[in-house]
Amino acid sequence: MTKDTLLNQQLEAIIEGEENFIANLSNASALLFENLNDINWAGFYLYDGITDELVLGPFQGKVACIRIRNGKGVCGTAFNTSRSFIVDDVHAFDGHIACDAQSNAEIVVPLVKDGKKIGVLDIDSPTFSRFNENDQKELERFADILLKHSKI
C-alpha cells in the first residue's frame, strides 16, 4: 500500500458521514499538507460563476492568491479544460500565476461532480519535478472521494 492510498483511506474515515463541503475541504487540505512530503501549499479554489473566477477556498500554507480568472495559470487552465496538470517547472508554464516565489512545481486536479465543474485541488512544491503520474492518479481518486461524500 502506498502512502497516497493510505491518504485516501484516511480521507474516507475523516469525512465519512459529513456532507458539509467546506468542512471536508478544510480537513482534506490539512490531511494533504501534513502527510505529503516536500510540498509548501495544499488547498482548493472554488468556481464563482458570477465572476467566472476561481476563488480561494480552504488551504494550508502561505498566504495565497485570492482570485484566478477561468483559463489563466495552471489552476485556471486545469479548471477550464477539466483535466489534471502536472507542471515540473512552474516558471516555464506560460501564464503561471506566482503566489509564492518558492514554489517550483505544481499539480492541479479539477473537481467535477455529476458533470458540474466545482473548482480545483492545487498542490505546490519547492522542488522541481516533484509530482508524477502516480501522484496524479491518487489525487484524482482523493478528489473523487471528497466529492462523493460532500453535498454541493
C-alpha atoms as a PDB file:
ATOM      1  CA  MET A   1       0.000   0.000   0.000  1.00  0.00           C
ATOM      2  CA  THR A   2       1.382   3.384  -0.958  1.00  0.00           C
ATOM      3  CA  LYS A   3       1.249   6.424   1.281  1.00  0.00           C
ATOM      4  CA  ASP A   4      -1.151   8.019  -1.229  1.00  0.00           C
ATOM      5  CA  THR A   5      -3.554   5.088  -0.945  1.00  0.00           C
ATOM      6  CA  LEU A   6      -3.336   5.400   2.832  1.00  0.00           C
ATOM      7  CA  LEU A   7      -4.212   9.100   2.500  1.00  0.00           C
ATOM      8  CA  ASN A   8      -7.316   8.176   0.545  1.00  0.00           C
ATOM      9  CA  GLN A   9      -8.325   5.730   3.268  1.00  0.00           C
ATOM     10  CA  GLN A  10      -7.709   8.390   5.923  1.00  0.00           C
ATOM     11  CA  LEU A  11      -9.818  10.878   3.966  1.00  0.00           C
ATOM     12  CA  GLU A  12     -12.665   8.357   3.776  1.00  0.00           C
ATOM     13  CA  ALA A  13     -12.502   7.862   7.551  1.00  0.00           C
ATOM     14  CA  ILE A  14     -12.324  11.571   8.341  1.00  0.00           C
ATOM     15  CA  ILE A  15     -15.248  12.678   6.176  1.00  0.00           C
ATOM     16  CA  GLU A  16     -17.486   9.608   6.487  1.00  0.00           C
ATOM     17  CA  GLY A  17     -20.954  10.870   7.370  1.00  0.00           C
ATOM     18  CA  GLU A  18     -20.047  14.560   6.944  1.00  0.00           C
ATOM     19  CA  GLU A  19     -21.669  16.286   3.975  1.00  0.00           C
ATOM     20  CA  ASN A  20     -20.521  19.879   4.551  1.00  0.00           C
ATOM     21  CA  PHE A  21     -18.291  20.675   1.603  1.00  0.00           C
ATOM     22  CA  ILE A  22     -16.230  23.429   3.250  1.00  0.00           C
ATOM     23  CA  ALA A  23     -15.594  21.336   6.367  1.00  0.00           C
ATOM     24  CA  ASN A  24     -14.492  18.419   4.202  1.00  0.00           C
ATOM     25  CA  LEU A  25     -12.238  20.629   2.068  1.00  0.00           C
ATOM     26  CA  SER A  26     -10.674  22.044   5.226  1.00  0.00           C
ATOM     27  CA  ASN A  27      -9.797  18.647   6.646  1.00  0.00           C
ATOM     28  CA  ALA A  28      -8.689  17.387   3.226  1.00  0.00           C
ATOM     29  CA  SER A  29      -6.206  20.250   2.791  1.00  0.00           C
ATOM     30  CA  ALA A  30      -4.827  19.688   6.301  1.00  0.00           C
ATOM     31  CA  LEU A  31      -4.503  15.944   5.656  1.00  0.00           C
ATOM     32  CA  LEU A  32      -2.538  16.557   2.457  1.00  0.00           C
ATOM     33  CA  PHE A  33      -0.316  19.256   3.961  1.00  0.00           C
ATOM     34  CA  GLU A  34       0.561  17.158   6.992  1.00  0.00           C
ATOM     35  CA  ASN A  35       1.242  13.937   5.105  1.00  0.00           C
ATOM     36  CA  LEU A  36       2.735  14.732   1.696  1.00  0.00           C
ATOM     37  CA  ASN A  37       6.484  15.203   1.601  1.00  0.00           C
ATOM     38  CA  ASP A  38       8.150  18.201   0.030  1.00  0.00           C
ATOM     39  CA  ILE A  39       5.139  20.452  -0.508  1.00  0.00           C
ATOM     40  CA  ASN A  40       4.614  24.049   0.569  1.00  0.00           C
ATOM     41  CA  TRP A  41       0.925  24.575  -0.254  1.00  0.00           C
ATOM     42  CA  ALA A  42      -2.173  22.374  -0.480  1.00  0.00           C
ATOM     43  CA  GLY A  43      -5.671  23.660  -0.978  1.00  0.00           C
ATOM     44  CA  PHE A  44      -8.671  24.387  -3.085  1.00  0.00           C
ATOM     45  CA  TYR A  45     -10.005  27.041  -5.403  1.00  0.00           C
ATOM     46  CA  LEU A  46     -13.779  27.081  -5.950  1.00  0.00           C
ATOM     47  CA  TYR A  47     -15.578  28.366  -9.019  1.00  0.00           C
ATOM     48  CA  ASP A  48     -17.661  31.535  -8.869  1.00  0.00           C
ATOM     49  CA  GLY A  49     -19.900  31.503 -11.945  1.00  0.00           C
ATOM     50  CA  ILE A  50     -20.902  35.141 -11.492  1.00  0.00           C
ATOM     51  CA  THR A  51     -17.339  36.447 -11.846  1.00  0.00           C
ATOM     52  CA  ASP A  52     -16.046  33.476 -13.922  1.00  0.00           C
ATOM     53  CA  GLU A  53     -13.170  33.090 -11.463  1.00  0.00           C
ATOM     54  CA  LEU A  54     -11.722  30.536  -9.120  1.00  0.00           C
ATOM     55  CA  VAL A  55     -11.851  31.874  -5.571  1.00  0.00           C
ATOM     56  CA  LEU A  56      -9.551  30.754  -2.774  1.00  0.00           C
ATOM     57  CA  GLY A  57     -11.050  28.066  -0.571  1.00  0.00           C
ATOM     58  CA  PRO A  58      -9.684  26.080   2.372  1.00  0.00           C
ATOM     59  CA  PHE A  59      -5.917  25.610   2.257  1.00  0.00           C
ATOM     60  CA  GLN A  60      -2.724  25.014   4.227  1.00  0.00           C
ATOM     61  CA  GLY A  61       0.416  27.024   3.515  1.00  0.00           C
ATOM     62  CA  LYS A  62       1.458  30.600   2.922  1.00  0.00           C
ATOM     63  CA  VAL A  63      -0.940  33.385   2.012  1.00  0.00           C
ATOM     64  CA  ALA A  64      -2.311  32.738  -1.483  1.00  0.00           C
ATOM     65  CA  CYS A  65      -3.799  34.499  -4.481  1.00  0.00           C
ATOM     66  CA  ILE A  66      -7.497  35.038  -3.816  1.00  0.00           C
ATOM     67  CA  ARG A  67      -8.918  35.068  -7.354  1.00  0.00           C
ATOM     68  CA  ILE A  68      -7.800  33.329 -10.527  1.00  0.00           C
ATOM     69  CA  ARG A  69      -9.548  34.045 -13.829  1.00  0.00           C
ATOM     70  CA  ASN A  70     -11.001  30.960 -15.534  1.00  0.00           C
ATOM     71  CA  GLY A  71      -8.431  29.702 -18.045  1.00  0.00           C
ATOM     72  CA  LYS A  72      -5.464  31.563 -16.525  1.00  0.00           C
ATOM     73  CA  GLY A  73      -2.456  29.980 -14.838  1.00  0.00           C
ATOM     74  CA  VAL A  74      -2.221  26.292 -14.036  1.00  0.00           C
ATOM     75  CA  CYS A  75      -5.356  26.285 -11.849  1.00  0.00           C
ATOM     76  CA  GLY A  76      -7.496  28.181 -14.339  1.00  0.00           C
ATOM     77  CA  THR A  77      -6.283  26.014 -17.220  1.00  0.00           C
ATOM     78  CA  ALA A  78      -6.987  22.769 -15.347  1.00  0.00           C
ATOM     79  CA  PHE A  79     -10.435  24.046 -14.418  1.00  0.00           C
ATOM     80  CA  ASN A  80     -11.228  25.257 -17.939  1.00  0.00           C
ATOM     81  CA  THR A  81     -10.136  22.007 -19.607  1.00  0.00           C
ATOM     82  CA  SER A  82     -11.393  19.682 -16.839  1.00  0.00           C
ATOM     83  CA  ARG A  83      -8.095  17.847 -16.852  1.00  0.00           C
ATOM     84  CA  SER A  84      -5.289  17.428 -14.359  1.00  0.00           C
ATOM     85  CA  PHE A  85      -1.962  19.157 -14.869  1.00  0.00           C
ATOM     86  CA  ILE A  86       1.482  18.245 -13.589  1.00  0.00           C
ATOM     87  CA  VAL A  87       3.939  21.101 -14.038  1.00  0.00           C
ATOM     88  CA  ASP A  88       7.574  20.195 -13.415  1.00  0.00           C
ATOM     89  CA  ASP A  89       8.727  23.841 -13.610  1.00  0.00           C
ATOM     90  CA  VAL A  90       6.035  26.449 -12.964  1.00  0.00           C
ATOM     91  CA  HIS A  91       8.365  29.198 -14.188  1.00  0.00           C
ATOM     92  CA  ALA A  92       8.252  27.656 -17.670  1.00  0.00           C
ATOM     93  CA  PHE A  93       4.424  27.430 -17.713  1.00  0.00           C
ATOM     94  CA  ASP A  94       3.104  30.203 -19.939  1.00  0.00           C
ATOM     95  CA  GLY A  95       0.867  32.456 -17.855  1.00  0.00           C
ATOM     96  CA  HIS A  96       1.816  30.942 -14.490  1.00  0.00           C
ATOM     97  CA  ILE A  97       0.486  32.962 -11.560  1.00  0.00           C
ATOM     98  CA  ALA A  98       3.163  33.171  -8.867  1.00  0.00           C
ATOM     99  CA  CYS A  99       1.569  33.359  -5.427  1.00  0.00           C
ATOM    100  CA  ASP A 100       4.704  32.033  -3.680  1.00  0.00           C
ATOM    101  CA  ALA A 101       8.113  32.598  -5.301  1.00  0.00           C
ATOM    102  CA  GLN A 102       9.393  29.457  -3.537  1.00  0.00           C
ATOM    103  CA  SER A 103       7.032  27.169  -5.484  1.00  0.00           C
ATOM    104  CA  ASN A 104       8.725  25.422  -8.397  1.00  0.00           C
ATOM    105  CA  ALA A 105       6.397  22.510  -9.235  1.00  0.00           C
ATOM    106  CA  GLU A 106       2.639  22.121  -9.117  1.00  0.00           C
ATOM    107  CA  ILE A 107      -0.123  19.591  -9.577  1.00  0.00           C
ATOM    108  CA  VAL A 108      -3.726  20.643 -10.138  1.00  0.00           C
ATOM    109  CA  VAL A 109      -6.724  18.302 -10.195  1.00  0.00           C
ATOM    110  CA  PRO A 110     -10.126  19.590 -11.324  1.00  0.00           C
ATOM    111  CA  LEU A 111     -13.136  18.992  -9.075  1.00  0.00           C
ATOM    112  CA  VAL A 112     -16.089  17.851 -11.172  1.00  0.00           C
ATOM    113  CA  LYS A 113     -19.255  16.305  -9.752  1.00  0.00           C
ATOM    114  CA  ASP A 114     -22.077  14.982 -11.932  1.00  0.00           C
ATOM    115  CA  GLY A 115     -20.663  16.925 -14.875  1.00  0.00           C
ATOM    116  CA  LYS A 116     -20.596  20.204 -12.944  1.00  0.00           C
ATOM    117  CA  LYS A 117     -17.251  21.957 -12.522  1.00  0.00           C
ATOM    118  CA  ILE A 118     -16.766  22.864  -8.846  1.00  0.00           C
ATOM    119  CA  GLY A 119     -13.139  24.019  -8.647  1.00  0.00           C
ATOM    120  CA  VAL A 120      -9.639  22.578  -8.328  1.00  0.00           C
ATOM    121  CA  LEU A 121      -7.296  20.895  -5.869  1.00  0.00           C
ATOM    122  CA  ASP A 122      -3.923  22.655  -6.057  1.00  0.00           C
ATOM    123  CA  ILE A 123      -0.649  21.438  -4.520  1.00  0.00           C
ATOM    124  CA  ASP A 124       2.698  23.249  -4.816  1.00  0.00           C
ATOM    125  CA  SER A 125       6.250  22.146  -4.092  1.00  0.00           C
ATOM    126  CA  PRO A 126       9.553  23.975  -3.773  1.00  0.00           C
ATOM    127  CA  THR A 127      11.206  21.048  -5.621  1.00  0.00           C
ATOM    128  CA  PHE A 128      11.236  20.918  -9.413  1.00  0.00           C
ATOM    129  CA  SER A 129       9.571  17.805 -10.929  1.00  0.00           C
ATOM    130  CA  ARG A 130       8.089  16.837  -7.534  1.00  0.00           C
ATOM    131  CA  PHE A 131       4.899  15.262  -8.916  1.00  0.00           C
ATOM    132  CA  ASN A 132       4.376  12.234 -11.166  1.00  0.00           C
ATOM    133  CA  GLU A 133       1.588  10.253 -12.828  1.00  0.00           C
ATOM    134  CA  ASN A 134       1.052   8.115  -9.722  1.00  0.00           C
ATOM    135  CA  ASP A 135       0.513  11.291  -7.675  1.00  0.00           C
ATOM    136  CA  GLN A 136      -1.998  12.428 -10.274  1.00  0.00           C
ATOM    137  CA  LYS A 137      -3.887   9.128 -10.195  1.00  0.00           C
ATOM    138  CA  GLU A 138      -4.021   9.065  -6.381  1.00  0.00           C
ATOM    139  CA  LEU A 139      -5.028  12.739  -6.105  1.00  0.00           C
ATOM    140  CA  GLU A 140      -7.763  12.267  -8.692  1.00  0.00           C
ATOM    141  CA  ARG A 141      -9.076   9.419  -6.531  1.00  0.00           C
ATOM    142  CA  PHE A 142      -8.711  11.691  -3.462  1.00  0.00           C
ATOM    143  CA  ALA A 143     -10.836  14.335  -5.212  1.00  0.00           C
ATOM    144  CA  ASP A 144     -13.451  11.739  -6.188  1.00  0.00           C
ATOM    145  CA  ILE A 145     -13.749  10.562  -2.571  1.00  0.00           C
ATOM    146  CA  LEU A 146     -14.100  14.130  -1.387  1.00  0.00           C
ATOM    147  CA  LEU A 147     -16.826  14.951  -3.887  1.00  0.00           C
ATOM    148  CA  LYS A 148     -18.680  11.678  -3.276  1.00  0.00           C
ATOM    149  CA  HIS A 149     -19.071  12.434   0.421  1.00  0.00           C
ATOM    150  CA  SER A 150     -19.801  16.159   0.133  1.00  0.00           C
ATOM    151  CA  LYS A 151     -23.109  17.828  -0.509  1.00  0.00           C
ATOM    152  CA  ILE A 152     -22.574  20.514  -3.109  1.00  0.00           C
END
